[in-house]
Amino acid sequence: DASGGVPVPTLSHEPTKTEVLASLEAAYDYGTAVLE
């Protein structure tokens, strides 16, 4: 992200299934946005 225009997600370190899945989703959404 050369322009720094894509906000970096804050990932949770909570061990719950909901939080882990939210972190994965945020990471891959970030990757998609950066690639676009």
Full PDB file with SEQRES, HELIX, SHEET, SSBOND, CRYST1, ORIGX, SCALE, CONECT and MASTER records, all heavy atoms in Angstrom:
SEQRES   1 A   36  ASP ALA SER GLY GLY VAL PRO VAL PRO THR LEU SER HIS          
SEQRES   2 A   36  GLU PRO THR LYS THR GLU VAL LEU ALA SER LEU GLU ALA          
SEQRES   3 A   36  ALA TYR ASP TYR GLY THR ALA VAL LEU GLU                      
HELIX    1 AA1 LYS A   17  LEU A   35  1                                  19    
CRYST1    1.000    1.000    1.000  90.00  90.00  90.00 P 1           1          
ORIGX1      1.000000  0.000000  0.000000        0.00000                         
ORIGX2      0.000000  1.000000  0.000000        0.00000                         
ORIGX3      0.000000  0.000000  1.000000        0.00000                         
SCALE1      1.000000  0.000000  0.000000        0.00000                         
SCALE2      0.000000  1.000000  0.000000        0.00000                         
SCALE3      0.000000  0.000000  1.000000        0.00000                         
ATOM      1  N   ASP A   1       0.848  -1.191   0.000  1.00  0.00           N  
ATOM      2  CA  ASP A   1       0.000   0.000   0.000  1.00  0.00           C  
ATOM      3  C   ASP A   1       0.884   1.241   0.000  1.00  0.00           C  
ATOM      4  O   ASP A   1       1.096   1.874   1.033  1.00  0.00           O  
ATOM      5  CB  ASP A   1      -0.944  -0.028   1.203  1.00  0.00           C  
ATOM      6  CG  ASP A   1      -1.950   1.111   1.182  1.00  0.00           C  
ATOM      7  OD1 ASP A   1      -2.218   1.653   0.091  1.00  0.00           O  
ATOM      8  OD2 ASP A   1      -2.456   1.448   2.263  1.00  0.00           O  
ATOM      9  N   ALA A   2       1.414   1.576  -1.173  1.00  0.00           N  
ATOM     10  CA  ALA A   2       2.365   2.686  -1.294  1.00  0.00           C  
ATOM     11  C   ALA A   2       1.773   4.016  -0.839  1.00  0.00           C  
ATOM     12  O   ALA A   2       2.458   4.853  -0.259  1.00  0.00           O  
ATOM     13  CB  ALA A   2       2.843   2.797  -2.736  1.00  0.00           C  
ATOM     14  N   SER A   3       0.493   4.203  -1.076  1.00  0.00           N  
ATOM     15  CA  SER A   3      -0.129   5.475  -0.704  1.00  0.00           C  
ATOM     16  C   SER A   3      -0.532   5.520   0.763  1.00  0.00           C  
ATOM     17  O   SER A   3      -0.794   6.585   1.309  1.00  0.00           O  
ATOM     18  CB  SER A   3      -1.381   5.704  -1.565  1.00  0.00           C  
ATOM     19  OG  SER A   3      -2.381   4.759  -1.215  1.00  0.00           O  
ATOM     20  N   GLY A   4      -0.599   4.357   1.405  1.00  0.00           N  
ATOM     21  CA  GLY A   4      -1.057   4.308   2.794  1.00  0.00           C  
ATOM     22  C   GLY A   4      -2.542   4.585   2.926  1.00  0.00           C  
ATOM     23  O   GLY A   4      -3.022   4.912   4.002  1.00  0.00           O  
ATOM     24  N   GLY A   5      -3.269   4.423   1.823  1.00  0.00           N  
ATOM     25  CA  GLY A   5      -4.694   4.750   1.814  1.00  0.00           C  
ATOM     26  C   GLY A   5      -5.614   3.674   2.347  1.00  0.00           C  
ATOM     27  O   GLY A   5      -6.784   3.928   2.601  1.00  0.00           O  
ATOM     28  N   VAL A   6      -5.109   2.467   2.505  1.00  0.00           N  
ATOM     29  CA  VAL A   6      -5.956   1.379   3.002  1.00  0.00           C  
ATOM     30  C   VAL A   6      -5.706   1.221   4.497  1.00  0.00           C  
ATOM     31  O   VAL A   6      -4.584   0.939   4.912  1.00  0.00           O  
ATOM     32  CB  VAL A   6      -5.652   0.047   2.264  1.00  0.00           C  
ATOM     33  CG1 VAL A   6      -6.535  -1.067   2.797  1.00  0.00           C  
ATOM     34  CG2 VAL A   6      -5.816   0.206   0.758  1.00  0.00           C  
ATOM     35  N   PRO A   7      -6.737   1.428   5.313  1.00  0.00           N  
ATOM     36  CA  PRO A   7      -6.530   1.327   6.764  1.00  0.00           C  
ATOM     37  C   PRO A   7      -6.133  -0.093   7.186  1.00  0.00           C  
ATOM     38  O   PRO A   7      -6.729  -1.063   6.747  1.00  0.00           O  
ATOM     39  CB  PRO A   7      -7.883   1.717   7.364  1.00  0.00           C  
ATOM     40  CG  PRO A   7      -8.831   1.883   6.253  1.00  0.00           C  
ATOM     41  CD  PRO A   7      -8.102   1.751   4.958  1.00  0.00           C  
ATOM     42  N   VAL A   8      -5.123  -0.177   8.020  1.00  0.00           N  
ATOM     43  CA  VAL A   8      -4.654  -1.468   8.532  1.00  0.00           C  
ATOM     44  C   VAL A   8      -5.618  -1.918   9.625  1.00  0.00           C  
ATOM     45  O   VAL A   8      -5.896  -1.156  10.553  1.00  0.00           O  
ATOM     46  CB  VAL A   8      -3.215  -1.336   9.084  1.00  0.00           C  
ATOM     47  CG1 VAL A   8      -2.743  -2.659   9.667  1.00  0.00           C  
ATOM     48  CG2 VAL A   8      -2.271  -0.847   7.996  1.00  0.00           C  
ATOM     49  N   PRO A   9      -6.125  -3.146   9.519  1.00  0.00           N  
ATOM     50  CA  PRO A   9      -7.092  -3.594  10.525  1.00  0.00           C  
ATOM     51  C   PRO A   9      -6.442  -3.863  11.877  1.00  0.00           C  
ATOM     52  O   PRO A   9      -5.261  -4.199  11.960  1.00  0.00           O  
ATOM     53  CB  PRO A   9      -7.635  -4.898   9.930  1.00  0.00           C  
ATOM     54  CG  PRO A   9      -6.531  -5.400   9.065  1.00  0.00           C  
ATOM     55  CD  PRO A   9      -5.850  -4.171   8.524  1.00  0.00           C  
ATOM     56  N   THR A  10      -7.229  -3.689  12.908  1.00  0.00           N  
ATOM     57  CA  THR A  10      -6.814  -4.086  14.246  1.00  0.00           C  
ATOM     58  C   THR A  10      -7.332  -5.495  14.455  1.00  0.00           C  
ATOM     59  O   THR A  10      -8.534  -5.735  14.367  1.00  0.00           O  
ATOM     60  CB  THR A  10      -7.417  -3.139  15.305  1.00  0.00           C  
ATOM     61  OG1 THR A  10      -6.979  -1.817  15.018  1.00  0.00           O  
ATOM     62  CG2 THR A  10      -6.991  -3.541  16.698  1.00  0.00           C  
ATOM     63  N   LEU A  11      -6.414  -6.414  14.691  1.00  0.00           N  
ATOM     64  CA  LEU A  11      -6.792  -7.818  14.837  1.00  0.00           C  
ATOM     65  C   LEU A  11      -6.919  -8.171  16.308  1.00  0.00           C  
ATOM     66  O   LEU A  11      -6.142  -7.724  17.139  1.00  0.00           O  
ATOM     67  CB  LEU A  11      -5.748  -8.710  14.159  1.00  0.00           C  
ATOM     68  CG  LEU A  11      -5.491  -8.412  12.687  1.00  0.00           C  
ATOM     69  CD1 LEU A  11      -4.382  -9.316  12.160  1.00  0.00           C  
ATOM     70  CD2 LEU A  11      -6.746  -8.561  11.851  1.00  0.00           C  
ATOM     71  N   SER A  12      -7.902  -8.990  16.602  1.00  0.00           N  
ATOM     72  CA  SER A  12      -8.145  -9.421  17.972  1.00  0.00           C  
ATOM     73  C   SER A  12      -7.229 -10.589  18.324  1.00  0.00           C  
ATOM     74  O   SER A  12      -6.881 -11.399  17.478  1.00  0.00           O  
ATOM     75  CB  SER A  12      -9.607  -9.861  18.117  1.00  0.00           C  
ATOM     76  OG  SER A  12      -9.808 -10.427  19.389  1.00  0.00           O  
ATOM     77  N   HIS A  13      -6.833 -10.660  19.561  1.00  0.00           N  
ATOM     78  CA  HIS A  13      -6.066 -11.803  20.056  1.00  0.00           C  
ATOM     79  C   HIS A  13      -6.900 -12.641  21.023  1.00  0.00           C  
ATOM     80  O   HIS A  13      -6.371 -13.471  21.745  1.00  0.00           O  
ATOM     81  CB  HIS A  13      -4.771 -11.332  20.730  1.00  0.00           C  
ATOM     82  CG  HIS A  13      -3.815 -10.772  19.745  1.00  0.00           C  
ATOM     83  ND1 HIS A  13      -3.781  -9.444  19.407  1.00  0.00           N  
ATOM     84  CD2 HIS A  13      -2.871 -11.366  18.989  1.00  0.00           C  
ATOM     85  CE1 HIS A  13      -2.852  -9.250  18.498  1.00  0.00           C  
ATOM     86  NE2 HIS A  13      -2.285 -10.391  18.231  1.00  0.00           N  
ATOM     87  N   GLU A  14      -8.205 -12.395  21.022  1.00  0.00           N  
ATOM     88  CA  GLU A  14      -9.105 -13.177  21.860  1.00  0.00           C  
ATOM     89  C   GLU A  14      -9.239 -14.573  21.256  1.00  0.00           C  
ATOM     90  O   GLU A  14      -9.365 -14.712  20.044  1.00  0.00           O  
ATOM     91  CB  GLU A  14     -10.482 -12.516  21.938  1.00  0.00           C  
ATOM     92  CG  GLU A  14     -10.486 -11.203  22.676  1.00  0.00           C  
ATOM     93  CD  GLU A  14     -10.113 -11.360  24.142  1.00  0.00           C  
ATOM     94  OE1 GLU A  14     -10.549 -12.323  24.783  1.00  0.00           O  
ATOM     95  OE2 GLU A  14      -9.367 -10.511  24.641  1.00  0.00           O  
ATOM     96  N   PRO A  15      -9.222 -15.606  22.081  1.00  0.00           N  
ATOM     97  CA  PRO A  15      -9.233 -16.970  21.546  1.00  0.00           C  
ATOM     98  C   PRO A  15     -10.616 -17.492  21.143  1.00  0.00           C  
ATOM     99  O   PRO A  15     -10.734 -18.647  20.766  1.00  0.00           O  
ATOM    100  CB  PRO A  15      -8.663 -17.780  22.705  1.00  0.00           C  
ATOM    101  CG  PRO A  15      -9.059 -17.020  23.923  1.00  0.00           C  
ATOM    102  CD  PRO A  15      -9.035 -15.565  23.508  1.00  0.00           C  
ATOM    103  N   THR A  16     -11.640 -16.653  21.215  1.00  0.00           N  
ATOM    104  CA  THR A  16     -12.964 -17.157  20.874  1.00  0.00           C  
ATOM    105  C   THR A  16     -13.090 -17.357  19.370  1.00  0.00           C  
ATOM    106  O   THR A  16     -12.454 -16.670  18.571  1.00  0.00           O  
ATOM    107  CB  THR A  16     -14.074 -16.195  21.339  1.00  0.00           C  
ATOM    108  OG1 THR A  16     -13.986 -14.991  20.571  1.00  0.00           O  
ATOM    109  CG2 THR A  16     -13.969 -15.889  22.827  1.00  0.00           C  
ATOM    110  N   LYS A  17     -13.906 -18.293  18.983  1.00  0.00           N  
ATOM    111  CA  LYS A  17     -14.113 -18.596  17.566  1.00  0.00           C  
ATOM    112  C   LYS A  17     -14.569 -17.347  16.811  1.00  0.00           C  
ATOM    113  O   LYS A  17     -14.074 -17.060  15.723  1.00  0.00           O  
ATOM    114  CB  LYS A  17     -15.144 -19.716  17.422  1.00  0.00           C  
ATOM    115  CG  LYS A  17     -15.418 -20.108  15.995  1.00  0.00           C  
ATOM    116  CD  LYS A  17     -16.422 -21.242  15.920  1.00  0.00           C  
ATOM    117  CE  LYS A  17     -16.722 -21.623  14.491  1.00  0.00           C  
ATOM    118  NZ  LYS A  17     -17.670 -22.749  14.419  1.00  0.00           N  
ATOM    119  N   THR A  18     -15.476 -16.591  17.394  1.00  0.00           N  
ATOM    120  CA  THR A  18     -15.994 -15.384  16.752  1.00  0.00           C  
ATOM    121  C   THR A  18     -14.881 -14.375  16.487  1.00  0.00           C  
ATOM    122  O   THR A  18     -14.781 -13.812  15.395  1.00  0.00           O  
ATOM    123  CB  THR A  18     -17.090 -14.743  17.624  1.00  0.00           C  
ATOM    124  OG1 THR A  18     -18.136 -15.702  17.823  1.00  0.00           O  
ATOM    125  CG2 THR A  18     -17.653 -13.501  16.985  1.00  0.00           C  
ATOM    126  N   GLU A  19     -14.018 -14.153  17.471  1.00  0.00           N  
ATOM    127  CA  GLU A  19     -12.928 -13.185  17.324  1.00  0.00           C  
ATOM    128  C   GLU A  19     -11.865 -13.670  16.342  1.00  0.00           C  
ATOM    129  O   GLU A  19     -11.329 -12.889  15.564  1.00  0.00           O  
ATOM    130  CB  GLU A  19     -12.295 -12.876  18.684  1.00  0.00           C  
ATOM    131  CG  GLU A  19     -13.217 -12.119  19.613  1.00  0.00           C  
ATOM    132  CD  GLU A  19     -13.595 -10.734  19.093  1.00  0.00           C  
ATOM    133  OE1 GLU A  19     -12.758 -10.078  18.469  1.00  0.00           O  
ATOM    134  OE2 GLU A  19     -14.735 -10.323  19.327  1.00  0.00           O  
ATOM    135  N   VAL A  20     -11.559 -14.953  16.376  1.00  0.00           N  
ATOM    136  CA  VAL A  20     -10.572 -15.508  15.443  1.00  0.00           C  
ATOM    137  C   VAL A  20     -11.082 -15.367  14.013  1.00  0.00           C  
ATOM    138  O   VAL A  20     -10.353 -14.918  13.119  1.00  0.00           O  
ATOM    139  CB  VAL A  20     -10.262 -16.986  15.780  1.00  0.00           C  
ATOM    140  CG1 VAL A  20      -9.464 -17.649  14.668  1.00  0.00           C  
ATOM    141  CG2 VAL A  20      -9.526 -17.092  17.108  1.00  0.00           C  
ATOM    142  N   LEU A  21     -12.332 -15.713  13.786  1.00  0.00           N  
ATOM    143  CA  LEU A  21     -12.898 -15.589  12.440  1.00  0.00           C  
ATOM    144  C   LEU A  21     -12.976 -14.134  11.994  1.00  0.00           C  
ATOM    145  O   LEU A  21     -12.724 -13.823  10.824  1.00  0.00           O  
ATOM    146  CB  LEU A  21     -14.283 -16.244  12.381  1.00  0.00           C  
ATOM    147  CG  LEU A  21     -14.280 -17.761  12.509  1.00  0.00           C  
ATOM    148  CD1 LEU A  21     -15.702 -18.302  12.564  1.00  0.00           C  
ATOM    149  CD2 LEU A  21     -13.485 -18.421  11.394  1.00  0.00           C  
ATOM    150  N   ALA A  22     -13.266 -13.231  12.919  1.00  0.00           N  
ATOM    151  CA  ALA A  22     -13.306 -11.803  12.588  1.00  0.00           C  
ATOM    152  C   ALA A  22     -11.917 -11.305  12.193  1.00  0.00           C  
ATOM    153  O   ALA A  22     -11.774 -10.514  11.249  1.00  0.00           O  
ATOM    154  CB  ALA A  22     -13.848 -11.002  13.773  1.00  0.00           C  
ATOM    155  N   SER A  23     -10.884 -11.781  12.878  1.00  0.00           N  
ATOM    156  CA  SER A  23      -9.513 -11.386  12.534  1.00  0.00           C  
ATOM    157  C   SER A  23      -9.122 -11.906  11.158  1.00  0.00           C  
ATOM    158  O   SER A  23      -8.524 -11.184  10.354  1.00  0.00           O  
ATOM    159  CB  SER A  23      -8.524 -11.906  13.584  1.00  0.00           C  
ATOM    160  OG  SER A  23      -8.671 -11.183  14.777  1.00  0.00           O  
ATOM    161  N   LEU A  24      -9.461 -13.148  10.874  1.00  0.00           N  
ATOM    162  CA  LEU A  24      -9.160 -13.700   9.547  1.00  0.00           C  
ATOM    163  C   LEU A  24      -9.881 -12.922   8.452  1.00  0.00           C  
ATOM    164  O   LEU A  24      -9.298 -12.577   7.428  1.00  0.00           O  
ATOM    165  CB  LEU A  24      -9.572 -15.171   9.477  1.00  0.00           C  
ATOM    166  CG  LEU A  24      -8.615 -16.185  10.052  1.00  0.00           C  
ATOM    167  CD1 LEU A  24      -9.238 -17.580  10.030  1.00  0.00           C  
ATOM    168  CD2 LEU A  24      -7.300 -16.186   9.297  1.00  0.00           C  
ATOM    169  N   GLU A  25     -11.146 -12.643   8.677  1.00  0.00           N  
ATOM    170  CA  GLU A  25     -11.931 -11.901   7.687  1.00  0.00           C  
ATOM    171  C   GLU A  25     -11.346 -10.502   7.476  1.00  0.00           C  
ATOM    172  O   GLU A  25     -11.190 -10.047   6.338  1.00  0.00           O  
ATOM    173  CB  GLU A  25     -13.388 -11.807   8.126  1.00  0.00           C  
ATOM    174  CG  GLU A  25     -14.267 -11.165   7.085  1.00  0.00           C  
ATOM    175  CD  GLU A  25     -15.744 -11.193   7.451  1.00  0.00           C  
ATOM    176  OE1 GLU A  25     -16.113 -11.838   8.448  1.00  0.00           O  
ATOM    177  OE2 GLU A  25     -16.522 -10.551   6.734  1.00  0.00           O  
ATOM    178  N   ALA A  26     -10.983  -9.831   8.552  1.00  0.00           N  
ATOM    179  CA  ALA A  26     -10.407  -8.485   8.438  1.00  0.00           C  
ATOM    180  C   ALA A  26      -9.080  -8.518   7.687  1.00  0.00           C  
ATOM    181  O   ALA A  26      -8.799  -7.653   6.852  1.00  0.00           O  
ATOM    182  CB  ALA A  26     -10.216  -7.878   9.832  1.00  0.00           C  
ATOM    183  N   ALA A  27      -8.255  -9.526   7.955  1.00  0.00           N  
ATOM    184  CA  ALA A  27      -6.950  -9.643   7.287  1.00  0.00           C  
ATOM    185  C   ALA A  27      -7.124  -9.864   5.793  1.00  0.00           C  
ATOM    186  O   ALA A  27      -6.444  -9.233   4.974  1.00  0.00           O  
ATOM    187  CB  ALA A  27      -6.150 -10.782   7.902  1.00  0.00           C  
ATOM    188  N   TYR A  28      -8.031 -10.742   5.413  1.00  0.00           N  
ATOM    189  CA  TYR A  28      -8.220 -11.015   3.993  1.00  0.00           C  
ATOM    190  C   TYR A  28      -8.965  -9.882   3.289  1.00  0.00           C  
ATOM    191  O   TYR A  28      -8.694  -9.594   2.119  1.00  0.00           O  
ATOM    192  CB  TYR A  28      -8.865 -12.384   3.788  1.00  0.00           C  
ATOM    193  CG  TYR A  28      -7.825 -13.476   3.925  1.00  0.00           C  
ATOM    194  CD1 TYR A  28      -7.637 -14.138   5.135  1.00  0.00           C  
ATOM    195  CD2 TYR A  28      -6.980 -13.789   2.870  1.00  0.00           C  
ATOM    196  CE1 TYR A  28      -6.652 -15.102   5.273  1.00  0.00           C  
ATOM    197  CE2 TYR A  28      -6.001 -14.750   2.998  1.00  0.00           C  
ATOM    198  CZ  TYR A  28      -5.836 -15.407   4.199  1.00  0.00           C  
ATOM    199  OH  TYR A  28      -4.857 -16.348   4.338  1.00  0.00           O  
ATOM    200  N   ASP A  29      -9.858  -9.206   3.974  1.00  0.00           N  
ATOM    201  CA  ASP A  29     -10.490  -8.010   3.396  1.00  0.00           C  
ATOM    202  C   ASP A  29      -9.445  -6.925   3.157  1.00  0.00           C  
ATOM    203  O   ASP A  29      -9.467  -6.231   2.146  1.00  0.00           O  
ATOM    204  CB  ASP A  29     -11.602  -7.471   4.311  1.00  0.00           C  
ATOM    205  CG  ASP A  29     -12.854  -8.333   4.272  1.00  0.00           C  
ATOM    206  OD1 ASP A  29     -12.962  -9.228   3.405  1.00  0.00           O  
ATOM    207  OD2 ASP A  29     -13.721  -8.121   5.152  1.00  0.00           O  
ATOM    208  N   TYR A  30      -8.510  -6.795   4.097  1.00  0.00           N  
ATOM    209  CA  TYR A  30      -7.414  -5.830   3.950  1.00  0.00           C  
ATOM    210  C   TYR A  30      -6.581  -6.192   2.721  1.00  0.00           C  
ATOM    211  O   TYR A  30      -6.259  -5.330   1.901  1.00  0.00           O  
ATOM    212  CB  TYR A  30      -6.542  -5.837   5.207  1.00  0.00           C  
ATOM    213  CG  TYR A  30      -5.285  -5.005   5.073  1.00  0.00           C  
ATOM    214  CD1 TYR A  30      -5.342  -3.617   5.112  1.00  0.00           C  
ATOM    215  CD2 TYR A  30      -4.050  -5.606   4.895  1.00  0.00           C  
ATOM    216  CE1 TYR A  30      -4.187  -2.855   4.973  1.00  0.00           C  
ATOM    217  CE2 TYR A  30      -2.897  -4.852   4.765  1.00  0.00           C  
ATOM    218  CZ  TYR A  30      -2.972  -3.479   4.805  1.00  0.00           C  
ATOM    219  OH  TYR A  30      -1.838  -2.720   4.666  1.00  0.00           O  
ATOM    220  N   GLY A  31      -6.226  -7.454   2.589  1.00  0.00           N  
ATOM    221  CA  GLY A  31      -5.446  -7.888   1.432  1.00  0.00           C  
ATOM    222  C   GLY A  31      -6.147  -7.593   0.122  1.00  0.00           C  
ATOM    223  O   GLY A  31      -5.529  -7.120  -0.832  1.00  0.00           O  
ATOM    224  N   THR A  32      -7.439  -7.844   0.073  1.00  0.00           N  
ATOM    225  CA  THR A  32      -8.213  -7.556  -1.134  1.00  0.00           C  
ATOM    226  C   THR A  32      -8.174  -6.071  -1.456  1.00  0.00           C  
ATOM    227  O   THR A  32      -7.946  -5.673  -2.604  1.00  0.00           O  
ATOM    228  CB  THR A  32      -9.676  -8.020  -0.954  1.00  0.00           C  
ATOM    229  OG1 THR A  32      -9.678  -9.435  -0.741  1.00  0.00           O  
ATOM    230  CG2 THR A  32     -10.523  -7.692  -2.170  1.00  0.00           C  
ATOM    231  N   ALA A  33      -8.374  -5.236  -0.447  1.00  0.00           N  
ATOM    232  CA  ALA A  33      -8.363  -3.784  -0.654  1.00  0.00           C  
ATOM    233  C   ALA A  33      -6.992  -3.290  -1.119  1.00  0.00           C  
ATOM    234  O   ALA A  33      -6.886  -2.446  -2.011  1.00  0.00           O  
ATOM    235  CB  ALA A  33      -8.784  -3.060   0.625  1.00  0.00           C  
ATOM    236  N   VAL A  34      -5.926  -3.835  -0.533  1.00  0.00           N  
ATOM    237  CA  VAL A  34      -4.571  -3.433  -0.916  1.00  0.00           C  
ATOM    238  C   VAL A  34      -4.293  -3.839  -2.364  1.00  0.00           C  
ATOM    239  O   VAL A  34      -3.753  -3.053  -3.148  1.00  0.00           O  
ATOM    240  CB  VAL A  34      -3.523  -4.044   0.041  1.00  0.00           C  
ATOM    241  CG1 VAL A  34      -2.117  -3.937  -0.523  1.00  0.00           C  
ATOM    242  CG2 VAL A  34      -3.596  -3.367   1.399  1.00  0.00           C  
ATOM    243  N   LEU A  35      -4.680  -5.047  -2.737  1.00  0.00           N  
ATOM    244  CA  LEU A  35      -4.450  -5.510  -4.109  1.00  0.00           C  
ATOM    245  C   LEU A  35      -5.247  -4.692  -5.115  1.00  0.00           C  
ATOM    246  O   LEU A  35      -4.747  -4.356  -6.193  1.00  0.00           O  
ATOM    247  CB  LEU A  35      -4.774  -6.993  -4.235  1.00  0.00           C  
ATOM    248  CG  LEU A  35      -3.837  -7.931  -3.491  1.00  0.00           C  
ATOM    249  CD1 LEU A  35      -4.333  -9.359  -3.572  1.00  0.00           C  
ATOM    250  CD2 LEU A  35      -2.423  -7.814  -4.007  1.00  0.00           C  
ATOM    251  N   GLU A  36      -6.482  -4.363  -4.765  1.00  0.00           N  
ATOM    252  CA  GLU A  36      -7.290  -3.532  -5.661  1.00  0.00           C  
ATOM    253  C   GLU A  36      -6.675  -2.147  -5.809  1.00  0.00           C  
ATOM    254  O   GLU A  36      -6.651  -1.583  -6.904  1.00  0.00           O  
ATOM    255  CB  GLU A  36      -8.729  -3.440  -5.155  1.00  0.00           C  
ATOM    256  CG  GLU A  36      -9.504  -4.729  -5.359  1.00  0.00           C  
ATOM    257  CD  GLU A  36     -10.878  -4.706  -4.717  1.00  0.00           C  
ATOM    258  OE1 GLU A  36     -11.196  -3.767  -3.951  1.00  0.00           O  
ATOM    259  OE2 GLU A  36     -11.647  -5.648  -4.974  1.00  0.00           O  
TER     260      GLU A  36                                                      
MASTER        0    0    0    1    0    0    0    6  259    1    0    3          
END                                                                             
